PDB file of N, CA and C in Angstrom:
ATOM      1  N   UNK A   1      10.271   9.868 -19.036  1.00  0.00           N
ATOM      2  CA  UNK A   1       9.838  10.882 -18.126  1.00  0.00           C
ATOM      3  C   UNK A   1      10.560  12.191 -18.405  1.00  0.00           C
ATOM      4  N   UNK A   2      10.581  12.603 -19.654  1.00  0.00           N
ATOM      5  CA  UNK A   2      11.250  13.850 -19.996  1.00  0.00           C
ATOM      6  C   UNK A   2      10.500  15.055 -19.444  1.00  0.00           C
ATOM      7  N   UNK A   3       9.180  14.917 -19.197  1.00  0.00           N
ATOM      8  CA  UNK A   3       8.418  16.027 -18.646  1.00  0.00           C
ATOM      9  C   UNK A   3       8.776  16.300 -17.183  1.00  0.00           C
ATOM     10  N   UNK A   4       9.355  15.338 -16.507  1.00  0.00           N
ATOM     11  CA  UNK A   4       9.697  15.505 -15.099  1.00  0.00           C
ATOM     12  C   UNK A   4      10.913  16.406 -14.917  1.00  0.00           C
ATOM     13  N   UNK A   5      11.561  16.774 -15.998  1.00  0.00           N
ATOM     14  CA  UNK A   5      12.747  17.628 -15.880  1.00  0.00           C
ATOM     15  C   UNK A   5      12.378  19.098 -15.772  1.00  0.00           C
ATOM     16  N   UNK A   6      11.180  19.452 -16.206  1.00  0.00           N
ATOM     17  CA  UNK A   6      10.736  20.821 -16.035  1.00  0.00           C
ATOM     18  C   UNK A   6      10.229  20.986 -14.607  1.00  0.00           C
ATOM     19  N   UNK A   7      10.278  22.193 -14.065  1.00  0.00           N
ATOM     20  CA  UNK A   7       9.798  22.392 -12.694  1.00  0.00           C
ATOM     21  C   UNK A   7       8.327  22.002 -12.517  1.00  0.00           C
ATOM     22  N   UNK A   8       7.487  22.345 -13.492  1.00  0.00           N
ATOM     23  CA  UNK A   8       6.072  21.993 -13.383  1.00  0.00           C
ATOM     24  C   UNK A   8       5.871  20.481 -13.432  1.00  0.00           C
ATOM     25  N   UNK A   9       6.568  19.809 -14.343  1.00  0.00           N
ATOM     26  CA  UNK A   9       6.460  18.355 -14.437  1.00  0.00           C
ATOM     27  C   UNK A   9       6.939  17.665 -13.178  1.00  0.00           C
ATOM     28  N   UNK A  10       7.984  18.202 -12.581  1.00  0.00           N
ATOM     29  CA  UNK A  10       8.503  17.625 -11.340  1.00  0.00           C
ATOM     30  C   UNK A  10       7.500  17.773 -10.199  1.00  0.00           C
ATOM     31  N   UNK A  11       6.855  18.943 -10.118  1.00  0.00           N
ATOM     32  CA  UNK A  11       5.847  19.167  -9.074  1.00  0.00           C
ATOM     33  C   UNK A  11       4.670  18.217  -9.271  1.00  0.00           C
ATOM     34  N   UNK A  12       4.214  18.081 -10.499  1.00  0.00           N
ATOM     35  CA  UNK A  12       3.090  17.172 -10.778  1.00  0.00           C
ATOM     36  C   UNK A  12       3.466  15.737 -10.416  1.00  0.00           C
ATOM     37  N   UNK A  13       4.668  15.313 -10.769  1.00  0.00           N
ATOM     38  CA  UNK A  13       5.103  13.956 -10.463  1.00  0.00           C
ATOM     39  C   UNK A  13       5.216  13.732  -8.952  1.00  0.00           C
ATOM     40  N   UNK A  14       5.739  14.705  -8.228  1.00  0.00           N
ATOM     41  CA  UNK A  14       5.860  14.573  -6.779  1.00  0.00           C
ATOM     42  C   UNK A  14       4.479  14.510  -6.127  1.00  0.00           C
ATOM     43  N   UNK A  15       3.556  15.346  -6.582  1.00  0.00           N
ATOM     44  CA  UNK A  15       2.196  15.325  -6.025  1.00  0.00           C
ATOM     45  C   UNK A  15       1.521  13.985  -6.302  1.00  0.00           C
ATOM     46  N   UNK A  16       1.672  13.469  -7.521  1.00  0.00           N
ATOM     47  CA  UNK A  16       1.084  12.162  -7.847  1.00  0.00           C
ATOM     48  C   UNK A  16       1.699  11.049  -7.000  1.00  0.00           C
ATOM     49  N   UNK A  17       3.010  11.095  -6.794  1.00  0.00           N
ATOM     50  CA  UNK A  17       3.655  10.076  -5.967  1.00  0.00           C
ATOM     51  C   UNK A  17       3.210  10.170  -4.504  1.00  0.00           C
ATOM     52  N   UNK A  18       3.005  11.382  -4.001  1.00  0.00           N
ATOM     53  CA  UNK A  18       2.531  11.534  -2.629  1.00  0.00           C
ATOM     54  C   UNK A  18       1.119  10.975  -2.483  1.00  0.00           C
ATOM     55  N   UNK A  19       0.255  11.288  -3.439  1.00  0.00           N
ATOM     56  CA  UNK A  19      -1.119  10.760  -3.403  1.00  0.00           C
ATOM     57  C   UNK A  19      -1.105   9.243  -3.519  1.00  0.00           C
ATOM     58  N   UNK A  20      -0.272   8.696  -4.400  1.00  0.00           N
ATOM     59  CA  UNK A  20      -0.178   7.242  -4.555  1.00  0.00           C
ATOM     60  C   UNK A  20       0.357   6.595  -3.282  1.00  0.00           C
ATOM     61  N   UNK A  21       1.343   7.228  -2.652  1.00  0.00           N
ATOM     62  CA  UNK A  21       1.894   6.674  -1.418  1.00  0.00           C
ATOM     63  C   UNK A  21       0.827   6.614  -0.337  1.00  0.00           C
ATOM     64  N   UNK A  22       0.064   7.683  -0.196  1.00  0.00           N
ATOM     65  CA  UNK A  22      -1.000   7.691   0.813  1.00  0.00           C
ATOM     66  C   UNK A  22      -2.069   6.643   0.505  1.00  0.00           C
ATOM     67  N   UNK A  23      -2.478   6.557  -0.749  1.00  0.00           N
ATOM     68  CA  UNK A  23      -3.505   5.579  -1.121  1.00  0.00           C
ATOM     69  C   UNK A  23      -3.050   4.145  -0.933  1.00  0.00           C
ATOM     70  N   UNK A  24      -1.852   3.826  -1.418  1.00  0.00           N
ATOM     71  CA  UNK A  24      -1.343   2.462  -1.273  1.00  0.00           C
ATOM     72  C   UNK A  24      -1.038   2.145   0.192  1.00  0.00           C
ATOM     73  N   UNK A  25      -0.584   3.141   0.931  1.00  0.00           N
ATOM     74  CA  UNK A  25      -0.332   2.937   2.357  1.00  0.00           C
ATOM     75  C   UNK A  25      -1.611   2.627   3.113  1.00  0.00           C
ATOM     76  N   UNK A  26      -2.681   3.335   2.774  1.00  0.00           N
ATOM     77  CA  UNK A  26      -3.965   3.055   3.415  1.00  0.00           C
ATOM     78  C   UNK A  26      -4.494   1.678   3.028  1.00  0.00           C
ATOM     79  N   UNK A  27      -4.293   1.277   1.794  1.00  0.00           N
ATOM     80  CA  UNK A  27      -4.713  -0.066   1.372  1.00  0.00           C
ATOM     81  C   UNK A  27      -3.933  -1.132   2.132  1.00  0.00           C
ATOM     82  N   UNK A  28      -2.634  -0.921   2.303  1.00  0.00           N
ATOM     83  CA  UNK A  28      -1.827  -1.867   3.071  1.00  0.00           C
ATOM     84  C   UNK A  28      -2.228  -1.894   4.534  1.00  0.00           C
ATOM     85  N   UNK A  29      -2.541  -0.718   5.101  1.00  0.00           N
ATOM     86  CA  UNK A  29      -2.978  -0.650   6.490  1.00  0.00           C
ATOM     87  C   UNK A  29      -4.311  -1.356   6.682  1.00  0.00           C
ATOM     88  N   UNK A  30      -5.215  -1.160   5.763  1.00  0.00           N
ATOM     89  CA  UNK A  30      -6.515  -1.828   5.821  1.00  0.00           C
ATOM     90  C   UNK A  30      -6.332  -3.345   5.740  1.00  0.00           C
ATOM     91  N   UNK A  31      -5.486  -3.800   4.825  1.00  0.00           N
ATOM     92  CA  UNK A  31      -5.218  -5.235   4.723  1.00  0.00           C
ATOM     93  C   UNK A  31      -4.589  -5.786   5.985  1.00  0.00           C
ATOM     94  N   UNK A  32      -3.701  -5.020   6.603  1.00  0.00           N
ATOM     95  CA  UNK A  32      -3.067  -5.457   7.847  1.00  0.00           C
ATOM     96  C   UNK A  32      -4.071  -5.577   8.991  1.00  0.00           C
ATOM     97  N   UNK A  33      -4.964  -4.610   9.094  1.00  0.00           N
ATOM     98  CA  UNK A  33      -5.969  -4.638  10.158  1.00  0.00           C
ATOM     99  C   UNK A  33      -6.893  -5.840   9.991  1.00  0.00           C
ATOM    100  N   UNK A  34      -7.370  -6.057   8.787  1.00  0.00           N
ATOM    101  CA  UNK A  34      -8.266  -7.192   8.562  1.00  0.00           C
ATOM    102  C   UNK A  34      -7.543  -8.531   8.718  1.00  0.00           C
ATOM    103  N   UNK A  35      -6.272  -8.584   8.389  1.00  0.00           N
ATOM    104  CA  UNK A  35      -5.504  -9.810   8.609  1.00  0.00           C
ATOM    105  C   UNK A  35      -5.396 -10.109  10.101  1.00  0.00           C
ATOM    106  N   UNK A  36      -5.080  -9.097  10.887  1.00  0.00           N
ATOM    107  CA  UNK A  36      -4.970  -9.286  12.339  1.00  0.00           C
ATOM    108  C   UNK A  36      -6.329  -9.669  12.935  1.00  0.00           C
ATOM    109  N   UNK A  37      -7.402  -9.097  12.417  1.00  0.00           N
ATOM    110  CA  UNK A  37      -8.731  -9.434  12.923  1.00  0.00           C
ATOM    111  C   UNK A  37      -9.139 -10.858  12.552  1.00  0.00           C
ATOM    112  N   UNK A  38      -8.650 -11.387  11.442  1.00  0.00           N
ATOM    113  CA  UNK A  38      -9.059 -12.719  10.991  1.00  0.00           C
ATOM    114  C   UNK A  38      -8.233 -13.835  11.607  1.00  0.00           C
ATOM    115  N   UNK A  39      -7.053 -13.534  12.121  1.00  0.00           N
ATOM    116  CA  UNK A  39      -6.181 -14.585  12.664  1.00  0.00           C
ATOM    117  C   UNK A  39      -6.825 -15.329  13.837  1.00  0.00           C
ATOM    118  N   UNK A  40      -7.441 -14.656  14.822  1.00  0.00           N
ATOM    119  CA  UNK A  40      -8.088 -15.419  15.900  1.00  0.00           C
ATOM    120  C   UNK A  40      -9.197 -16.351  15.402  1.00  0.00           C
ATOM    121  N   UNK A  41      -9.900 -15.934  14.351  1.00  0.00           N
ATOM    122  CA  UNK A  41     -10.953 -16.785  13.789  1.00  0.00           C
ATOM    123  C   UNK A  41     -10.377 -18.059  13.160  1.00  0.00           C
ATOM    124  N   UNK A  42      -9.185 -17.959  12.582  1.00  0.00           N
ATOM    125  CA  UNK A  42      -8.614 -19.120  11.904  1.00  0.00           C
ATOM    126  C   UNK A  42      -8.035 -20.132  12.888  1.00  0.00           C
ATOM    127  N   UNK A  43      -7.553 -19.678  14.053  1.00  0.00           N
ATOM    128  CA  UNK A  43      -6.961 -20.628  14.999  1.00  0.00           C
ATOM    129  C   UNK A  43      -7.971 -21.146  16.014  1.00  0.00           C
ATOM    130  N   UNK A  44      -9.172 -20.568  16.059  1.00  0.00           N
ATOM    131  CA  UNK A  44     -10.199 -21.075  16.964  1.00  0.00           C
ATOM    132  C   UNK A  44     -10.915 -22.256  16.301  1.00  0.00           C
ATOM    133  N   UNK A  45     -11.640 -23.041  17.097  1.00  0.00           N
ATOM    134  CA  UNK A  45     -12.394 -24.156  16.497  1.00  0.00           C
ATOM    135  C   UNK A  45     -13.387 -23.639  15.447  1.00  0.00           C
ATOM    136  N   UNK A  46     -13.580 -24.400  14.375  1.00  0.00           N
ATOM    137  CA  UNK A  46     -14.456 -23.932  13.288  1.00  0.00           C
ATOM    138  C   UNK A  46     -15.890 -23.727  13.777  1.00  0.00           C
ATOM    139  N   UNK A  47     -16.459 -22.607  13.363  1.00  0.00           N
ATOM    140  CA  UNK A  47     -17.838 -22.283  13.698  1.00  0.00           C
ATOM    141  C   UNK A  47     -18.639 -22.176  12.408  1.00  0.00           C
ATOM    142  N   UNK A  48     -19.924 -22.374  12.569  1.00  0.00           N
ATOM    143  CA  UNK A  48     -20.811 -22.223  11.421  1.00  0.00           C
ATOM    144  C   UNK A  48     -20.917 -20.737  11.077  1.00  0.00           C
ATOM    145  N   UNK A  49     -20.684 -20.382   9.831  1.00  0.00           N
ATOM    146  CA  UNK A  49     -20.799 -19.000   9.393  1.00  0.00           C
ATOM    147  C   UNK A  49     -19.531 -18.185   9.572  1.00  0.00           C
ATOM    148  N   UNK A  50     -18.404 -18.833   9.790  1.00  0.00           N
ATOM    149  CA  UNK A  50     -17.148 -18.112   9.926  1.00  0.00           C
ATOM    150  C   UNK A  50     -16.568 -17.839   8.535  1.00  0.00           C
ATOM    151  N   UNK A  51     -16.216 -16.596   8.298  1.00  0.00           N
ATOM    152  CA  UNK A  51     -15.688 -16.205   6.999  1.00  0.00           C
ATOM    153  C   UNK A  51     -14.222 -15.803   7.095  1.00  0.00           C
ATOM    154  N   UNK A  52     -13.494 -16.400   8.029  1.00  0.00           N
ATOM    155  CA  UNK A  52     -12.095 -16.023   8.240  1.00  0.00           C
ATOM    156  C   UNK A  52     -11.243 -16.312   6.994  1.00  0.00           C
ATOM    157  N   UNK A  53     -11.503 -17.424   6.338  1.00  0.00           N
ATOM    158  CA  UNK A  53     -10.735 -17.747   5.128  1.00  0.00           C
ATOM    159  C   UNK A  53     -10.963 -16.741   4.016  1.00  0.00           C
ATOM    160  N   UNK A  54     -12.203 -16.303   3.855  1.00  0.00           N
ATOM    161  CA  UNK A  54     -12.515 -15.311   2.829  1.00  0.00           C
ATOM    162  C   UNK A  54     -11.891 -13.963   3.170  1.00  0.00           C
ATOM    163  N   UNK A  55     -11.889 -13.612   4.450  1.00  0.00           N
ATOM    164  CA  UNK A  55     -11.289 -12.344   4.872  1.00  0.00           C
ATOM    165  C   UNK A  55      -9.788 -12.375   4.605  1.00  0.00           C
ATOM    166  N   UNK A  56      -9.135 -13.486   4.926  1.00  0.00           N
ATOM    167  CA  UNK A  56      -7.695 -13.605   4.660  1.00  0.00           C
ATOM    168  C   UNK A  56      -7.397 -13.603   3.167  1.00  0.00           C
ATOM    169  N   UNK A  57      -8.293 -14.199   2.383  1.00  0.00           N
ATOM    170  CA  UNK A  57      -8.115 -14.237   0.932  1.00  0.00           C
ATOM    171  C   UNK A  57      -8.098 -12.830   0.341  1.00  0.00           C
ATOM    172  N   UNK A  58      -8.839 -11.915   0.945  1.00  0.00           N
ATOM    173  CA  UNK A  58      -8.885 -10.532   0.467  1.00  0.00           C
ATOM    174  C   UNK A  58      -7.829  -9.671   1.150  1.00  0.00           C
ATOM    175  N   UNK A  59      -7.626  -9.870   2.451  1.00  0.00           N
ATOM    176  CA  UNK A  59      -6.777  -8.948   3.210  1.00  0.00           C
ATOM    177  C   UNK A  59      -5.280  -9.175   2.997  1.00  0.00           C
ATOM    178  N   UNK A  60      -4.844 -10.399   2.830  1.00  0.00           N
ATOM    179  CA  UNK A  60      -3.411 -10.636   2.646  1.00  0.00           C
ATOM    180  C   UNK A  60      -2.865 -10.020   1.362  1.00  0.00           C
ATOM    181  N   UNK A  61      -3.527 -10.185   0.209  1.00  0.00           N
ATOM    182  CA  UNK A  61      -3.021  -9.491  -0.977  1.00  0.00           C
ATOM    183  C   UNK A  61      -3.062  -7.965  -0.827  1.00  0.00           C
ATOM    184  N   UNK A  62      -4.099  -7.471  -0.163  1.00  0.00           N
ATOM    185  CA  UNK A  62      -4.178  -6.024   0.067  1.00  0.00           C
ATOM    186  C   UNK A  62      -3.018  -5.546   0.915  1.00  0.00           C
ATOM    187  N   UNK A  63      -2.689  -6.308   1.934  1.00  0.00           N
ATOM    188  CA  UNK A  63      -1.563  -5.974   2.801  1.00  0.00           C
ATOM    189  C   UNK A  63      -0.247  -5.988   2.024  1.00  0.00           C
ATOM    190  N   UNK A  64      -0.010  -7.057   1.276  1.00  0.00           N
ATOM    191  CA  UNK A  64       1.263  -7.211   0.575  1.00  0.00           C
ATOM    192  C   UNK A  64       1.406  -6.251  -0.605  1.00  0.00           C
ATOM    193  N   UNK A  65       0.382  -6.163  -1.429  1.00  0.00           N
ATOM    194  CA  UNK A  65       0.460  -5.301  -2.610  1.00  0.00           C
ATOM    195  C   UNK A  65       0.451  -3.827  -2.207  1.00  0.00           C
ATOM    196  N   UNK A  66      -0.455  -3.444  -1.309  1.00  0.00           N
ATOM    197  CA  UNK A  66      -0.505  -2.048  -0.872  1.00  0.00           C
ATOM    198  C   UNK A  66       0.770  -1.619  -0.181  1.00  0.00           C
ATOM    199  N   UNK A  67       1.290  -2.474   0.690  1.00  0.00           N
ATOM    200  CA  UNK A  67       2.542  -2.151   1.370  1.00  0.00           C
ATOM    201  C   UNK A  67       3.720  -2.080   0.415  1.00  0.00           C
ATOM    202  N   UNK A  68       3.780  -3.002  -0.534  1.00  0.00           N
ATOM    203  CA  UNK A  68       4.869  -3.006  -1.502  1.00  0.00           C
ATOM    204  C   UNK A  68       4.845  -1.795  -2.417  1.00  0.00           C
ATOM    205  N   UNK A  69       3.670  -1.428  -2.907  1.00  0.00           N
ATOM    206  CA  UNK A  69       3.569  -0.267  -3.786  1.00  0.00           C
ATOM    207  C   UNK A  69       3.837   1.032  -3.031  1.00  0.00           C
ATOM    208  N   UNK A  70       3.394   1.115  -1.780  1.00  0.00           N
ATOM    209  CA  UNK A  70       3.701   2.300  -0.972  1.00  0.00           C
ATOM    210  C   UNK A  70       5.208   2.411  -0.756  1.00  0.00           C
ATOM    211  N   UNK A  71       5.862   1.288  -0.514  1.00  0.00           N
ATOM    212  CA  UNK A  71       7.314   1.282  -0.329  1.00  0.00           C
ATOM    213  C   UNK A  71       8.028   1.756  -1.598  1.00  0.00           C
ATOM    214  N   UNK A  72       7.559   1.281  -2.760  1.00  0.00           N
ATOM    215  CA  UNK A  72       8.158   1.716  -4.026  1.00  0.00           C
ATOM    216  C   UNK A  72       7.964   3.216  -4.258  1.00  0.00           C
ATOM    217  N   UNK A  73       6.780   3.737  -3.928  1.00  0.00           N
ATOM    218  CA  UNK A  73       6.526   5.166  -4.100  1.00  0.00           C
ATOM    219  C   UNK A  73       7.416   5.993  -3.174  1.00  0.00           C
ATOM    220  N   UNK A  74       7.576   5.544  -1.943  1.00  0.00           N
ATOM    221  CA  UNK A  74       8.442   6.270  -1.002  1.00  0.00           C
ATOM    222  C   UNK A  74       9.884   6.240  -1.492  1.00  0.00           C
ATOM    223  N   UNK A  75      10.333   5.089  -1.986  1.00  0.00           N
ATOM    224  CA  UNK A  75      11.697   5.001  -2.536  1.00  0.00           C
ATOM    225  C   UNK A  75      11.907   5.972  -3.677  1.00  0.00           C
ATOM    226  N   UNK A  76      10.926   6.057  -4.573  1.00  0.00           N
ATOM    227  CA  UNK A  76      11.018   6.972  -5.713  1.00  0.00           C
ATOM    228  C   UNK A  76      11.042   8.424  -5.233  1.00  0.00           C
ATOM    229  N   UNK A  77      10.215   8.746  -4.222  1.00  0.00           N
ATOM    230  CA  UNK A  77      10.211  10.111  -3.683  1.00  0.00           C
ATOM    231  C   UNK A  77      11.551  10.452  -3.058  1.00  0.00           C
ATOM    232  N   UNK A  78      12.150   9.513  -2.351  1.00  0.00           N
ATOM    233  CA  UNK A  78      13.451   9.757  -1.727  1.00  0.00           C
ATOM    234  C   UNK A  78      14.522   9.961  -2.798  1.00  0.00           C
ATOM    235  N   UNK A  79      14.478   9.160  -3.840  1.00  0.00           N
ATOM    236  CA  UNK A  79      15.454   9.321  -4.940  1.00  0.00           C
ATOM    237  C   UNK A  79      15.284  10.657  -5.629  1.00  0.00           C
ATOM    238  N   UNK A  80      14.033  11.080  -5.814  1.00  0.00           N
ATOM    239  CA  UNK A  80      13.789  12.361  -6.479  1.00  0.00           C
ATOM    240  C   UNK A  80      14.243  13.526  -5.614  1.00  0.00           C
ATOM    241  N   UNK A  81      14.070  13.398  -4.306  1.00  0.00           N
ATOM    242  CA  UNK A  81      14.462  14.518  -3.433  1.00  0.00           C
ATOM    243  C   UNK A  81      15.972  14.614  -3.272  1.00  0.00           C
ATOM    244  N   UNK A  82      16.674  13.493  -3.424  1.00  0.00           N
ATOM    245  CA  UNK A  82      18.117  13.529  -3.254  1.00  0.00           C
ATOM    246  C   UNK A  82      18.891  13.631  -4.575  1.00  0.00           C
ATOM    247  N   UNK A  83      18.174  13.696  -5.689  1.00  0.00           N
ATOM    248  CA  UNK A  83      18.877  13.785  -6.981  1.00  0.00           C
ATOM    249  C   UNK A  83      19.451  15.182  -7.165  1.00  0.00           C
ATOM    250  N   UNK A  84      20.539  15.254  -7.885  1.00  0.00           N
ATOM    251  CA  UNK A  84      21.227  16.529  -8.128  1.00  0.00           C
ATOM    252  C   UNK A  84      20.799  17.092  -9.470  1.00  0.00           C
ATOM    253  N   UNK A  85      19.721  17.850  -9.470  1.00  0.00           N
ATOM    254  CA  UNK A  85      19.250  18.497 -10.717  1.00  0.00           C
ATOM    255  C   UNK A  85      19.591  19.949 -10.730  1.00  0.00           C
TER     256      UNK A  85
END
């Protein structure tokens, strides 16, 4: 990341990290909402046409991966803002 040492490269990197944080955060939020919506379906008696298992199959990875990547982007932004350049 030698380009990040120039002022322009640093601005581009910060903007990309902010956009990535927002995108991954929204993906994690979406996964969290769908996970919470599917939990009552999984603990209720089985019904014909219930897709709670399929919803959890999609929403849990979205929650975990989106939340984890957003956390990594925020950590990187904090390190970049506190670095002594």
